[in-house]
Protein backbone atom coordinates (compact mmCIF):
# COMPACT_ATOMS: atom_id res chain seq x y z
CA MET A 1 -0.10 -0.05 0.00
CA GLY A 2 2.84 2.32 0.74
CA VAL A 3 4.17 1.80 -2.92
CA GLY A 4 0.75 2.77 -4.39
CA TRP A 5 0.58 6.01 -2.31
CA SER A 6 4.04 6.81 -3.43
CA VAL A 7 3.03 6.47 -7.06
CA LEU A 8 0.05 8.77 -6.38
CA GLY A 9 2.36 11.30 -5.01
CA LEU A 10 4.54 11.13 -8.07
CA CYS A 11 1.52 11.61 -10.44
CA LEU A 12 0.49 14.79 -8.83
CA THR A 13 3.88 16.56 -8.16
CA ALA A 14 5.28 19.46 -10.31
CA GLY A 15 8.01 17.28 -11.72
CA PRO A 16 8.32 15.61 -15.02
CA VAL A 17 5.35 13.46 -14.57
CA VAL A 18 2.37 15.66 -15.06
CA ALA A 19 -0.54 13.51 -16.32
CA GLN A 20 -3.25 15.83 -15.64
CA GLN A 21 -3.43 19.68 -16.75
CA ARG A 22 -6.55 21.18 -15.20
CA PRO A 23 -7.39 24.10 -15.35
CA LEU A 24 -5.72 24.04 -18.88
CA LEU A 25 -7.30 22.43 -21.91
CA THR A 26 -4.02 21.49 -23.64
CA GLU A 27 -3.60 17.69 -22.98
CA ASP A 28 -0.24 16.46 -21.54
CA PRO A 29 1.16 13.45 -23.19
CA GLU A 30 1.82 11.69 -19.73
CA THR A 31 -0.52 9.05 -18.61
CA ILE A 32 -1.68 8.64 -15.04
CA GLY A 33 -0.28 5.14 -14.65
CA GLU A 34 -1.40 1.71 -14.56
CA GLY A 35 -4.21 0.70 -12.05
CA LEU A 36 -4.87 4.44 -11.20
CA ILE A 37 -8.08 6.56 -11.51
CA LEU A 38 -8.07 10.22 -11.91
CA LEU A 39 -11.16 12.21 -10.83
CA GLU A 40 -11.46 15.85 -11.58
CA THR A 41 -14.37 18.33 -10.67
CA GLY A 42 -14.72 21.88 -10.92
CA ILE A 43 -16.91 24.82 -12.04
CA ASP A 44 -16.68 27.52 -14.74
CA HIS A 45 -18.39 30.84 -15.23
CA ALA A 46 -18.13 32.67 -18.55
CA TRP A 47 -19.40 36.01 -19.43
CA ALA A 48 -20.78 37.17 -22.82
CA GLN A 49 -20.77 33.76 -24.44
CA THR A 50 -22.33 33.51 -27.99
CA PHE A 51 -24.17 30.42 -29.36
CA THR A 52 -23.98 31.05 -33.16
CA VAL A 53 -26.40 28.23 -34.08
CA SER A 54 -29.11 29.05 -31.73
CA GLY A 55 -28.85 32.69 -31.50
CA LEU A 56 -28.38 33.08 -27.82
CA GLU A 57 -25.92 35.21 -25.84
CA GLY A 58 -25.31 35.47 -22.25
CA ASN A 59 -23.46 34.33 -19.15
CA VAL A 60 -22.96 30.66 -18.62
CA LEU A 61 -22.45 28.72 -15.45
CA ARG A 62 -21.10 25.20 -15.92
CA GLY A 63 -20.88 22.73 -13.00
CA PRO A 64 -20.41 20.51 -11.36
CA LEU A 65 -17.75 19.55 -14.18
CA LEU A 66 -16.76 15.90 -13.88
CA GLY A 67 -14.04 13.94 -15.70
CA PHE A 68 -12.48 10.57 -15.26
CA SER A 69 -9.25 8.98 -16.57
CA PHE A 70 -8.66 5.33 -16.14
CA GLY A 71 -5.02 3.83 -16.39
CA MET A 72 -4.93 0.93 -18.69
CA GLY A 73 -1.22 0.16 -18.31
CA SER A 74 1.92 2.35 -17.99
CA ASN A 75 1.34 4.02 -21.48
CA ALA A 76 -2.34 4.18 -22.05
CA GLU A 77 -5.63 5.72 -20.51
CA ILE A 78 -9.33 5.99 -21.21
CA GLN A 79 -10.82 9.42 -20.58
CA ILE A 80 -14.45 10.50 -20.03
CA ASP A 81 -15.04 14.16 -19.74
CA GLY A 82 -17.82 16.70 -19.98
CA VAL A 83 -20.17 15.09 -17.49
CA SER A 84 -21.66 18.45 -16.42
CA VAL A 85 -24.71 20.81 -16.60
CA SER A 86 -24.57 24.34 -18.22
CA ARG A 87 -26.94 27.13 -17.26
CA LEU A 88 -27.31 30.11 -19.46
CA ARG A 89 -28.62 33.46 -18.31
CA ILE A 90 -29.63 35.16 -21.65
CA SER A 91 -28.91 38.67 -22.26
CA ASN A 92 -29.48 38.68 -26.02
CA ARG A 93 -31.39 36.87 -28.93
CA PHE A 94 -30.53 37.01 -32.52
CA ASP A 95 -31.55 35.47 -35.70
CA ALA A 96 -29.52 32.31 -36.32
CA PRO A 97 -29.78 29.05 -38.35
CA LEU A 98 -31.55 27.17 -35.72
CA SER A 99 -33.12 29.82 -33.65
CA ASN A 100 -36.58 28.56 -34.61
CA VAL A 101 -35.71 25.21 -32.84
CA VAL A 102 -35.00 26.77 -29.48
CA ASP A 103 -37.68 26.12 -26.98
CA VAL A 104 -36.99 28.65 -24.14
CA SER A 105 -39.46 31.14 -23.28
CA GLY A 106 -37.93 32.85 -20.31
CA ASP A 107 -34.46 34.35 -19.88
CA THR A 108 -32.73 31.19 -18.49
CA THR A 109 -31.98 27.81 -20.21
CA ARG A 110 -30.04 24.75 -19.14
CA SER A 111 -28.88 21.42 -20.60
CA PHE A 112 -26.50 18.50 -19.80
CA ASP A 113 -23.24 19.10 -21.69
CA ASP A 114 -21.87 17.02 -24.45
CA ILE A 115 -19.72 14.03 -23.08
CA VAL A 116 -16.33 13.46 -24.63
CA VAL A 117 -14.90 9.89 -24.71
CA GLY A 118 -11.42 9.59 -25.49
CA ALA A 119 -8.13 7.45 -25.28
CA LYS A 120 -4.58 8.51 -24.99
CA VAL A 121 -1.43 6.27 -25.82
CA LYS A 122 2.00 7.45 -25.08
CA ILE A 123 4.29 6.29 -27.82
CA VAL A 124 7.55 7.82 -26.71
CA SER A 125 8.78 8.48 -23.12
CA GLU A 126 10.41 11.53 -22.10
CA GLY A 127 14.26 11.46 -21.91
CA ALA A 128 17.15 13.73 -21.18
CA ARG A 129 16.69 15.35 -24.59
CA MET A 130 13.66 13.65 -26.10
CA PRO A 131 10.20 14.99 -25.24
CA ALA A 132 7.20 12.58 -24.34
CA ILE A 133 5.00 12.14 -27.30
CA ALA A 134 1.53 10.60 -27.40
CA LEU A 135 -1.69 10.13 -29.53
CA ARG A 136 -5.14 11.01 -28.41
CA PHE A 137 -8.29 10.11 -30.12
CA ALA A 138 -11.80 11.39 -28.78
CA THR A 139 -15.40 11.53 -29.85
CA ARG A 140 -17.78 14.35 -28.64
CA LEU A 141 -21.35 12.90 -28.06
CA PRO A 142 -24.58 14.85 -28.70
CA ASN A 143 -26.00 15.01 -25.07
CA ALA A 144 -26.71 18.59 -25.13
CA SER A 145 -29.86 19.37 -26.66
CA ASN A 146 -30.46 21.98 -29.38
CA GLU A 147 -33.97 22.83 -27.99
CA SER A 148 -32.31 24.30 -25.09
CA GLY A 149 -30.15 26.41 -27.39
CA LEU A 150 -26.95 25.11 -25.80
CA GLY A 151 -26.20 21.99 -28.06
CA LEU A 152 -25.72 21.04 -31.62
CA ASP A 153 -26.94 17.55 -31.61
CA THR A 154 -23.88 16.40 -33.55
CA ILE A 155 -21.16 13.83 -33.12
CA ASP A 156 -17.64 15.18 -33.64
CA PHE A 157 -14.28 13.31 -33.83
CA PHE A 158 -10.86 14.54 -32.83
CA GLN A 159 -7.38 13.10 -33.23
CA SER A 160 -3.93 14.91 -32.16
CA ILE A 161 -0.44 14.62 -31.35
CA LEU A 162 0.85 15.52 -27.85
CA VAL A 163 4.30 16.68 -27.08
CA GLY A 164 5.69 17.60 -23.54
CA LYS A 165 8.98 18.32 -22.07
CA THR A 166 10.14 19.38 -18.60
CA MET A 167 13.11 21.87 -18.43
CA GLN A 168 14.15 22.52 -14.77
CA SER A 169 11.03 24.11 -13.21
CA VAL A 170 9.01 24.59 -16.40
CA ARG A 171 6.72 22.03 -18.19
CA VAL A 172 6.03 22.87 -21.89
CA VAL A 173 3.32 21.08 -23.67
CA GLY A 174 2.04 21.28 -27.27
CA ASN A 175 -0.94 19.85 -29.26
CA ILE A 176 -1.60 19.81 -32.85
CA GLY A 177 -4.47 17.72 -34.46
CA LEU A 178 -7.50 17.56 -36.68
CA GLY A 179 -11.07 17.61 -35.71
CA ILE A 180 -14.00 16.49 -37.91
CA LEU A 181 -17.05 18.70 -36.98
CA SER A 182 -20.62 17.79 -38.33
CA ASP A 183 -22.70 20.82 -39.63
CA PRO A 184 -25.50 21.08 -37.25
CA THR A 185 -27.75 22.57 -39.90
CA ARG A 186 -27.13 20.07 -42.65
CA GLY A 187 -26.55 16.25 -42.29
CA ASP A 188 -24.56 15.89 -45.45
CA ARG A 189 -21.84 18.35 -44.48
CA GLN A 190 -18.88 18.63 -42.26
CA ASN A 191 -15.85 21.00 -41.62
CA ASP A 192 -12.36 19.89 -40.79
CA VAL A 193 -10.77 22.08 -38.21
CA LEU A 194 -7.11 22.31 -37.15
CA THR A 195 -7.04 21.93 -33.41
CA TYR A 196 -3.92 23.40 -31.34
CA GLY A 197 -2.90 24.17 -27.88
CA PHE A 198 0.32 25.37 -26.22
CA SER A 199 0.78 25.53 -22.53
CA LEU A 200 3.54 26.57 -19.92
CA ALA A 201 3.72 25.42 -16.00
CA ARG A 202 6.23 26.78 -13.90
CA ALA A 203 6.75 25.60 -10.26
CA PHE A 204 7.61 28.58 -8.01
CA ALA A 205 7.21 26.84 -4.65
CA GLU A 206 6.75 23.39 -3.13
CA GLY A 207 3.55 21.89 -4.72
CA ALA A 208 2.73 25.37 -6.36
CA GLU A 209 2.65 26.27 -9.97
CA ILE A 210 1.71 29.04 -12.30
CA VAL A 211 0.20 28.00 -15.65
CA GLY A 212 -0.85 29.50 -18.96
CA GLU A 213 -1.99 28.54 -22.36
CA ILE A 214 -3.57 29.23 -25.71
CA ASN A 215 -5.96 26.71 -26.86
CA GLY A 216 -8.20 26.56 -29.98
CA ARG A 217 -9.22 25.46 -33.31
CA ALA A 218 -9.00 26.90 -36.74
CA SER A 219 -11.43 26.37 -39.63
CA THR A 220 -9.75 24.92 -42.69
CA ARG A 221 -12.86 25.70 -45.00
CA ARG A 222 -12.49 28.45 -47.70
CA GLY A 223 -15.17 31.22 -47.18
CA VAL A 224 -17.66 31.19 -44.38
CA ALA A 225 -17.46 28.02 -42.00
CA PRO A 226 -20.66 26.10 -41.36
CA PRO A 227 -22.51 27.51 -38.22
CA GLY A 228 -21.14 25.92 -34.93
CA THR A 229 -17.72 24.91 -36.59
CA GLU A 230 -16.16 28.30 -36.79
CA SER A 231 -12.68 29.04 -35.66
CA ARG A 232 -12.56 29.47 -31.63
CA ALA A 233 -9.59 30.24 -29.23
CA THR A 234 -9.16 31.03 -25.55
CA MET A 235 -6.28 32.23 -23.45
CA MET A 236 -5.87 31.09 -19.83
CA PHE A 237 -3.78 32.00 -16.79
CA GLY A 238 -4.04 30.12 -13.57
CA LEU A 239 -2.61 28.70 -10.40
CA ARG A 240 -2.26 24.98 -9.16
CA TYR A 241 -1.58 23.70 -5.69
CA THR A 242 -0.74 19.98 -4.90
CA ARG A 243 -1.04 18.51 -1.47
CA GLY A 244 -0.61 14.84 -1.09
CA THR A 245 -3.01 13.10 -3.65
CA VAL A 246 -5.10 16.24 -4.24
CA ARG A 247 -4.54 19.17 -6.61
CA LEU A 248 -6.46 22.38 -6.36
CA ASP A 249 -6.56 24.81 -9.20
CA GLY A 250 -8.09 28.22 -10.27
CA GLY A 251 -7.74 30.19 -13.48
CA LEU A 252 -8.86 33.23 -15.43
CA PHE A 253 -9.67 33.04 -19.29
CA THR A 254 -10.72 35.14 -22.10
CA GLY A 255 -11.75 34.52 -25.82
CA LEU A 256 -9.71 35.49 -28.75
CA THR A 257 -12.53 35.48 -31.20
CA SER A 258 -15.95 37.26 -31.04
CA ARG A 259 -17.62 33.95 -30.49
CA ASP A 260 -15.73 33.01 -27.27
CA PRO A 261 -16.59 34.32 -23.98
CA ARG A 262 -15.26 37.82 -23.06
CA LEU A 263 -13.94 36.74 -19.80
CA GLY A 264 -14.31 33.55 -17.59
CA LEU A 265 -13.42 32.09 -14.29
CA THR A 266 -12.63 28.46 -13.44
CA GLY A 267 -11.64 26.40 -10.33
CA GLY A 268 -11.50 22.86 -9.41
CA LEU A 269 -10.04 19.76 -7.75
CA THR A 270 -8.18 16.80 -9.12
CA TRP A 271 -7.61 13.55 -7.20
CA VAL A 272 -5.76 10.40 -8.18
CA PHE A 273 -6.49 7.04 -6.26
CA VAL A 274 -5.74 3.46 -6.70
CA SER A 275 -8.52 1.62 -8.70
CA PRO A 276 -10.40 -0.91 -6.46
CA LEU A 277 -9.84 -3.42 -9.28
CA ARG A 278 -6.19 -3.26 -9.14
CA PRO A 279 -4.60 -6.52 -8.18
């Protein structure tokens, strides 16, 4: 049992093994480890969020945000993210492709969020000069309803390459990949987007880090992208503090396009523990 807790502590330290990146979105190539389960929870509040398909705009509260990662060996994990509820306080309505579908009479709407199921496989371990490299595949399911104005009722697929390297007290992570996004207004059309992320995490005290990132997607379609598949991007700055097997985090983010939130706050908790099914 002592060995198990030592592994847990390693997974959550600010050293080279950084398997989980909350509050950042950029995915670290390191996995959590065989026989371990990672649980994360938190809450987001975003101001001036625009929903271009339903024609709604307002402030969004998301939570409780739940995510799980299951170590399937030393180099692989299964992920389930996006188990949460969104509540939108509507400040503005405008004409949009599916605004006639929205069934919201008041100034508040809510819905379950789209769940994302993914897998990450590390193919190169980090060395003295070599960064860690991993592949990630994920599918976003249509759990959020378009009648609420918060969902698109589409299935999307993502694949990306993850790279990470620790240099002294700084962890650098980069993601690049492809997303295949279904057009929510036409069943025979899709848009391929370039997904990207770049993050930095610097330890400045025992168990404490300052973190930052730019994360988003860029439409590859010439001309106007199908609604709901447009280019998006956010910039985030935050703090993380690890004590034992628990990590606390908080962050401030802002959108880099007119479709992203003007400002947002996030906070949460990450906990790694031994799976009850571990031999």
